[in-house]
Amino acid sequence: MHMNKITTVACPQCKKETIWNHSNCYRPFCSERCKMIDLGQWFSEDYCISHTDSNPEEDPAHQA
């Protein structure tokens, strides 16, 4: 007998355990509220992705 294992993850916003499958349309978040809070943090630039140049010589700002 094969038992389906239910995968759960912690919501990145509130840390509440939530089911990770297609029935959760907000995954990895637990709710629309947590998803929208996270999106707002990106818009307000609370989050950012760091950038490093792979070849600084190709960057026009570094050319003389």
PDB file of N, CA and C in Angstrom:
ATOM      1  N   MET A   1       0.833  -1.186   0.000  1.00  0.00           N
ATOM      2  CA  MET A   1       0.000   0.000   0.000  1.00  0.00           C
ATOM      3  C   MET A   1       0.878   1.250   0.000  1.00  0.00           C
ATOM      4  N   HIS A   2       0.662   2.115  -0.980  1.00  0.00           N
ATOM      5  CA  HIS A   2       1.446   3.339  -1.116  1.00  0.00           C
ATOM      6  C   HIS A   2       0.707   4.482  -0.441  1.00  0.00           C
ATOM      7  N   MET A   3       1.382   5.127   0.499  1.00  0.00           N
ATOM      8  CA  MET A   3       0.775   6.262   1.195  1.00  0.00           C
ATOM      9  C   MET A   3       1.357   7.552   0.637  1.00  0.00           C
ATOM     10  N   ASN A   4       0.495   8.488   0.314  1.00  0.00           N
ATOM     11  CA  ASN A   4       0.949   9.785  -0.166  1.00  0.00           C
ATOM     12  C   ASN A   4       1.412  10.629   1.006  1.00  0.00           C
ATOM     13  N   LYS A   5       2.628  11.111   0.897  1.00  0.00           N
ATOM     14  CA  LYS A   5       3.174  11.963   1.936  1.00  0.00           C
ATOM     15  C   LYS A   5       2.771  13.407   1.639  1.00  0.00           C
ATOM     16  N   ILE A   6       2.281  14.111   2.623  1.00  0.00           N
ATOM     17  CA  ILE A   6       1.905  15.509   2.479  1.00  0.00           C
ATOM     18  C   ILE A   6       3.125  16.351   2.822  1.00  0.00           C
ATOM     19  N   THR A   7       3.530  17.164   1.868  1.00  0.00           N
ATOM     20  CA  THR A   7       4.683  18.034   2.075  1.00  0.00           C
ATOM     21  C   THR A   7       4.208  19.370   2.617  1.00  0.00           C
ATOM     22  N   THR A   8       4.833  19.806   3.682  1.00  0.00           N
ATOM     23  CA  THR A   8       4.523  21.116   4.251  1.00  0.00           C
ATOM     24  C   THR A   8       5.795  21.951   4.302  1.00  0.00           C
ATOM     25  N   VAL A   9       5.607  23.247   4.213  1.00  0.00           N
ATOM     26  CA  VAL A   9       6.713  24.203   4.318  1.00  0.00           C
ATOM     27  C   VAL A   9       6.273  25.336   5.229  1.00  0.00           C
ATOM     28  N   ALA A  10       7.233  26.054   5.731  1.00  0.00           N
ATOM     29  CA  ALA A  10       6.922  27.233   6.541  1.00  0.00           C
ATOM     30  C   ALA A  10       6.707  28.419   5.607  1.00  0.00           C
ATOM     31  N   CYS A  11       5.632  29.138   5.803  1.00  0.00           N
ATOM     32  CA  CYS A  11       5.356  30.341   5.025  1.00  0.00           C
ATOM     33  C   CYS A  11       6.527  31.305   5.222  1.00  0.00           C
ATOM     34  N   PRO A  12       7.109  31.816   4.135  1.00  0.00           N
ATOM     35  CA  PRO A  12       8.245  32.726   4.280  1.00  0.00           C
ATOM     36  C   PRO A  12       7.911  34.016   5.031  1.00  0.00           C
ATOM     37  N   GLN A  13       6.638  34.368   5.088  1.00  0.00           N
ATOM     38  CA  GLN A  13       6.245  35.617   5.728  1.00  0.00           C
ATOM     39  C   GLN A  13       5.922  35.435   7.209  1.00  0.00           C
ATOM     40  N   CYS A  14       4.996  34.512   7.517  1.00  0.00           N
ATOM     41  CA  CYS A  14       4.531  34.382   8.909  1.00  0.00           C
ATOM     42  C   CYS A  14       5.041  33.114   9.604  1.00  0.00           C
ATOM     43  N   LYS A  15       5.695  32.241   8.858  1.00  0.00           N
ATOM     44  CA  LYS A  15       6.286  30.992   9.363  1.00  0.00           C
ATOM     45  C   LYS A  15       5.258  29.911   9.694  1.00  0.00           C
ATOM     46  N   LYS A  16       3.985  30.130   9.388  1.00  0.00           N
ATOM     47  CA  LYS A  16       2.946  29.125   9.606  1.00  0.00           C
ATOM     48  C   LYS A  16       3.164  27.958   8.647  1.00  0.00           C
ATOM     49  N   GLU A  17       2.994  26.730   9.127  1.00  0.00           N
ATOM     50  CA  GLU A  17       3.120  25.553   8.266  1.00  0.00           C
ATOM     51  C   GLU A  17       1.989  25.553   7.244  1.00  0.00           C
ATOM     52  N   THR A  18       2.342  25.322   5.984  1.00  0.00           N
ATOM     53  CA  THR A  18       1.353  25.304   4.914  1.00  0.00           C
ATOM     54  C   THR A  18       1.641  24.150   3.968  1.00  0.00           C
ATOM     55  N   ILE A  19       0.610  23.629   3.343  1.00  0.00           N
ATOM     56  CA  ILE A  19       0.749  22.488   2.443  1.00  0.00           C
ATOM     57  C   ILE A  19       1.344  22.957   1.117  1.00  0.00           C
ATOM     58  N   TRP A  20       2.325  22.189   0.614  1.00  0.00           N
ATOM     59  CA  TRP A  20       2.977  22.503  -0.653  1.00  0.00           C
ATOM     60  C   TRP A  20       2.439  21.554  -1.721  1.00  0.00           C
ATOM     61  N   ASN A  21       1.360  21.943  -2.361  1.00  0.00           N
ATOM     62  CA  ASN A  21       0.834  21.203  -3.508  1.00  0.00           C
ATOM     63  C   ASN A  21      -0.036  22.136  -4.336  1.00  0.00           C
ATOM     64  N   HIS A  22      -0.608  21.611  -5.414  1.00  0.00           N
ATOM     65  CA  HIS A  22      -1.367  22.451  -6.341  1.00  0.00           C
ATOM     66  C   HIS A  22      -2.657  23.005  -5.742  1.00  0.00           C
ATOM     67  N   SER A  23      -3.108  22.460  -4.629  1.00  0.00           N
ATOM     68  CA  SER A  23      -4.324  22.994  -4.009  1.00  0.00           C
ATOM     69  C   SER A  23      -4.074  24.336  -3.308  1.00  0.00           C
ATOM     70  N   ASN A  24      -2.818  24.648  -3.027  1.00  0.00           N
ATOM     71  CA  ASN A  24      -2.467  25.920  -2.387  1.00  0.00           C
ATOM     72  C   ASN A  24      -2.003  26.880  -3.477  1.00  0.00           C
ATOM     73  N   CYS A  25      -2.906  27.721  -3.949  1.00  0.00           N
ATOM     74  CA  CYS A  25      -2.572  28.638  -5.049  1.00  0.00           C
ATOM     75  C   CYS A  25      -1.649  29.772  -4.602  1.00  0.00           C
ATOM     76  N   TYR A  26      -1.366  29.888  -3.319  1.00  0.00           N
ATOM     77  CA  TYR A  26      -0.493  30.952  -2.812  1.00  0.00           C
ATOM     78  C   TYR A  26       0.909  30.447  -2.465  1.00  0.00           C
ATOM     79  N   ARG A  27       1.180  29.158  -2.701  1.00  0.00           N
ATOM     80  CA  ARG A  27       2.454  28.600  -2.280  1.00  0.00           C
ATOM     81  C   ARG A  27       3.623  29.381  -2.851  1.00  0.00           C
ATOM     82  N   PRO A  28       4.650  29.620  -2.125  1.00  0.00           N
ATOM     83  CA  PRO A  28       4.997  29.046  -0.833  1.00  0.00           C
ATOM     84  C   PRO A  28       4.362  29.750   0.356  1.00  0.00           C
ATOM     85  N   PHE A  29       3.499  30.732   0.093  1.00  0.00           N
ATOM     86  CA  PHE A  29       2.848  31.459   1.179  1.00  0.00           C
ATOM     87  C   PHE A  29       1.612  30.702   1.652  1.00  0.00           C
ATOM     88  N   CYS A  30       1.143  31.009   2.839  1.00  0.00           N
ATOM     89  CA  CYS A  30      -0.025  30.329   3.392  1.00  0.00           C
ATOM     90  C   CYS A  30      -1.327  30.993   2.961  1.00  0.00           C
ATOM     91  N   SER A  31      -1.250  32.253   2.519  1.00  0.00           N
ATOM     92  CA  SER A  31      -2.474  32.983   2.200  1.00  0.00           C
ATOM     93  C   SER A  31      -2.164  34.130   1.236  1.00  0.00           C
ATOM     94  N   GLU A  32      -3.215  34.705   0.687  1.00  0.00           N
ATOM     95  CA  GLU A  32      -3.053  35.869  -0.179  1.00  0.00           C
ATOM     96  C   GLU A  32      -2.453  37.037   0.606  1.00  0.00           C
ATOM     97  N   ARG A  33      -2.846  37.170   1.863  1.00  0.00           N
ATOM     98  CA  ARG A  33      -2.331  38.261   2.699  1.00  0.00           C
ATOM     99  C   ARG A  33      -0.807  38.198   2.807  1.00  0.00           C
ATOM    100  N   CYS A  34      -0.268  37.029   3.120  1.00  0.00           N
ATOM    101  CA  CYS A  34       1.189  36.894   3.244  1.00  0.00           C
ATOM    102  C   CYS A  34       1.874  37.126   1.899  1.00  0.00           C
ATOM    103  N   LYS A  35       1.258  36.670   0.821  1.00  0.00           N
ATOM    104  CA  LYS A  35       1.810  36.882  -0.513  1.00  0.00           C
ATOM    105  C   LYS A  35       1.872  38.378  -0.832  1.00  0.00           C
ATOM    106  N   MET A  36       0.821  39.119  -0.509  1.00  0.00           N
ATOM    107  CA  MET A  36       0.773  40.544  -0.797  1.00  0.00           C
ATOM    108  C   MET A  36       1.725  41.344   0.099  1.00  0.00           C
ATOM    109  N   ILE A  37       1.898  40.926   1.339  1.00  0.00           N
ATOM    110  CA  ILE A  37       2.865  41.581   2.229  1.00  0.00           C
ATOM    111  C   ILE A  37       4.265  41.448   1.639  1.00  0.00           C
ATOM    112  N   ASP A  38       4.595  40.243   1.167  1.00  0.00           N
ATOM    113  CA  ASP A  38       5.901  39.992   0.568  1.00  0.00           C
ATOM    114  C   ASP A  38       6.089  40.841  -0.691  1.00  0.00           C
ATOM    115  N   LEU A  39       5.081  40.913  -1.535  1.00  0.00           N
ATOM    116  CA  LEU A  39       5.158  41.717  -2.751  1.00  0.00           C
ATOM    117  C   LEU A  39       5.363  43.189  -2.396  1.00  0.00           C
ATOM    118  N   GLY A  40       4.673  43.658  -1.385  1.00  0.00           N
ATOM    119  CA  GLY A  40       4.850  45.048  -0.940  1.00  0.00           C
ATOM    120  C   GLY A  40       6.261  45.330  -0.469  1.00  0.00           C
ATOM    121  N   GLN A  41       6.894  44.337   0.163  1.00  0.00           N
ATOM    122  CA  GLN A  41       8.269  44.521   0.624  1.00  0.00           C
ATOM    123  C   GLN A  41       9.239  44.626  -0.562  1.00  0.00           C
ATOM    124  N   TRP A  42       8.956  43.898  -1.645  1.00  0.00           N
ATOM    125  CA  TRP A  42       9.773  44.048  -2.853  1.00  0.00           C
ATOM    126  C   TRP A  42       9.572  45.433  -3.449  1.00  0.00           C
ATOM    127  N   PHE A  43       8.308  45.885  -3.552  1.00  0.00           N
ATOM    128  CA  PHE A  43       8.018  47.196  -4.136  1.00  0.00           C
ATOM    129  C   PHE A  43       8.639  48.338  -3.336  1.00  0.00           C
ATOM    130  N   SER A  44       8.667  48.215  -2.027  1.00  0.00           N
ATOM    131  CA  SER A  44       9.240  49.276  -1.194  1.00  0.00           C
ATOM    132  C   SER A  44      10.759  49.136  -1.060  1.00  0.00           C
ATOM    133  N   GLU A  45      11.317  48.167  -1.773  1.00  0.00           N
ATOM    134  CA  GLU A  45      12.757  47.899  -1.808  1.00  0.00           C
ATOM    135  C   GLU A  45      13.325  47.476  -0.454  1.00  0.00           C
ATOM    136  N   ASP A  46      12.482  46.838   0.382  1.00  0.00           N
ATOM    137  CA  ASP A  46      12.998  46.224   1.605  1.00  0.00           C
ATOM    138  C   ASP A  46      13.854  45.012   1.246  1.00  0.00           C
ATOM    139  N   TYR A  47      13.550  44.398   0.118  1.00  0.00           N
ATOM    140  CA  TYR A  47      14.324  43.267  -0.406  1.00  0.00           C
ATOM    141  C   TYR A  47      15.063  43.748  -1.644  1.00  0.00           C
ATOM    142  N   CYS A  48      16.215  43.153  -1.908  1.00  0.00           N
ATOM    143  CA  CYS A  48      16.920  43.434  -3.147  1.00  0.00           C
ATOM    144  C   CYS A  48      17.793  42.237  -3.489  1.00  0.00           C
ATOM    145  N   ILE A  49      18.146  42.144  -4.735  1.00  0.00           N
ATOM    146  CA  ILE A  49      19.037  41.092  -5.208  1.00  0.00           C
ATOM    147  C   ILE A  49      20.368  41.756  -5.499  1.00  0.00           C
ATOM    148  N   SER A  50      21.414  41.266  -4.853  1.00  0.00           N
ATOM    149  CA  SER A  50      22.726  41.869  -5.068  1.00  0.00           C
ATOM    150  C   SER A  50      23.221  41.519  -6.462  1.00  0.00           C
ATOM    151  N   HIS A  51      24.026  42.399  -7.000  1.00  0.00           N
ATOM    152  CA  HIS A  51      24.537  42.214  -8.343  1.00  0.00           C
ATOM    153  C   HIS A  51      26.047  42.369  -8.322  1.00  0.00           C
ATOM    154  N   THR A  52      26.727  41.404  -8.908  1.00  0.00           N
ATOM    155  CA  THR A  52      28.166  41.519  -9.086  1.00  0.00           C
ATOM    156  C   THR A  52      28.460  41.305 -10.557  1.00  0.00           C
ATOM    157  N   ASP A  53      29.341  42.108 -11.091  1.00  0.00           N
ATOM    158  CA  ASP A  53      29.703  41.985 -12.499  1.00  0.00           C
ATOM    159  C   ASP A  53      30.607  40.780 -12.685  1.00  0.00           C
ATOM    160  N   SER A  54      30.331  39.993 -13.716  1.00  0.00           N
ATOM    161  CA  SER A  54      31.197  38.858 -14.015  1.00  0.00           C
ATOM    162  C   SER A  54      32.487  39.331 -14.664  1.00  0.00           C
ATOM    163  N   ASN A  55      32.422  40.451 -15.389  1.00  0.00           N
ATOM    164  CA  ASN A  55      33.603  41.025 -16.015  1.00  0.00           C
ATOM    165  C   ASN A  55      33.523  42.544 -15.900  1.00  0.00           C
ATOM    166  N   PRO A  56      34.112  43.122 -14.869  1.00  0.00           N
ATOM    167  CA  PRO A  56      33.997  44.562 -14.647  1.00  0.00           C
ATOM    168  C   PRO A  56      34.573  45.395 -15.794  1.00  0.00           C
ATOM    169  N   GLU A  57      35.475  44.842 -16.609  1.00  0.00           N
ATOM    170  CA  GLU A  57      36.056  45.588 -17.729  1.00  0.00           C
ATOM    171  C   GLU A  57      35.031  45.892 -18.809  1.00  0.00           C
ATOM    172  N   GLU A  58      33.942  45.095 -18.873  1.00  0.00           N
ATOM    173  CA  GLU A  58      32.901  45.324 -19.872  1.00  0.00           C
ATOM    174  C   GLU A  58      31.883  46.369 -19.406  1.00  0.00           C
ATOM    175  N   ASP A  59      31.953  46.777 -18.155  1.00  0.00           N
ATOM    176  CA  ASP A  59      31.017  47.761 -17.604  1.00  0.00           C
ATOM    177  C   ASP A  59      31.450  49.148 -18.064  1.00  0.00           C
ATOM    178  N   PRO A  60      30.567  49.880 -18.812  1.00  0.00           N
ATOM    179  CA  PRO A  60      30.938  51.226 -19.296  1.00  0.00           C
ATOM    180  C   PRO A  60      31.326  52.186 -18.184  1.00  0.00           C
ATOM    181  N   ALA A  61      30.800  52.011 -16.977  1.00  0.00           N
ATOM    182  CA  ALA A  61      31.130  52.905 -15.855  1.00  0.00           C
ATOM    183  C   ALA A  61      32.583  52.762 -15.430  1.00  0.00           C
ATOM    184  N   HIS A  62      33.200  51.605 -15.731  1.00  0.00           N
ATOM    185  CA  HIS A  62      34.580  51.369 -15.330  1.00  0.00           C
ATOM    186  C   HIS A  62      35.562  51.681 -16.438  1.00  0.00           C
ATOM    187  N   GLN A  63      35.095  52.093 -17.596  1.00  0.00           N
ATOM    188  CA  GLN A  63      36.006  52.396 -18.704  1.00  0.00           C
ATOM    189  C   GLN A  63      36.444  53.854 -18.657  1.00  0.00           C
ATOM    190  N   ALA A  64      37.674  54.084 -19.045  1.00  0.00           N
ATOM    191  CA  ALA A  64      38.201  55.448 -19.016  1.00  0.00           C
ATOM    192  C   ALA A  64      37.957  56.178 -20.310  1.00  0.00           C
TER     193      ALA A  64
END
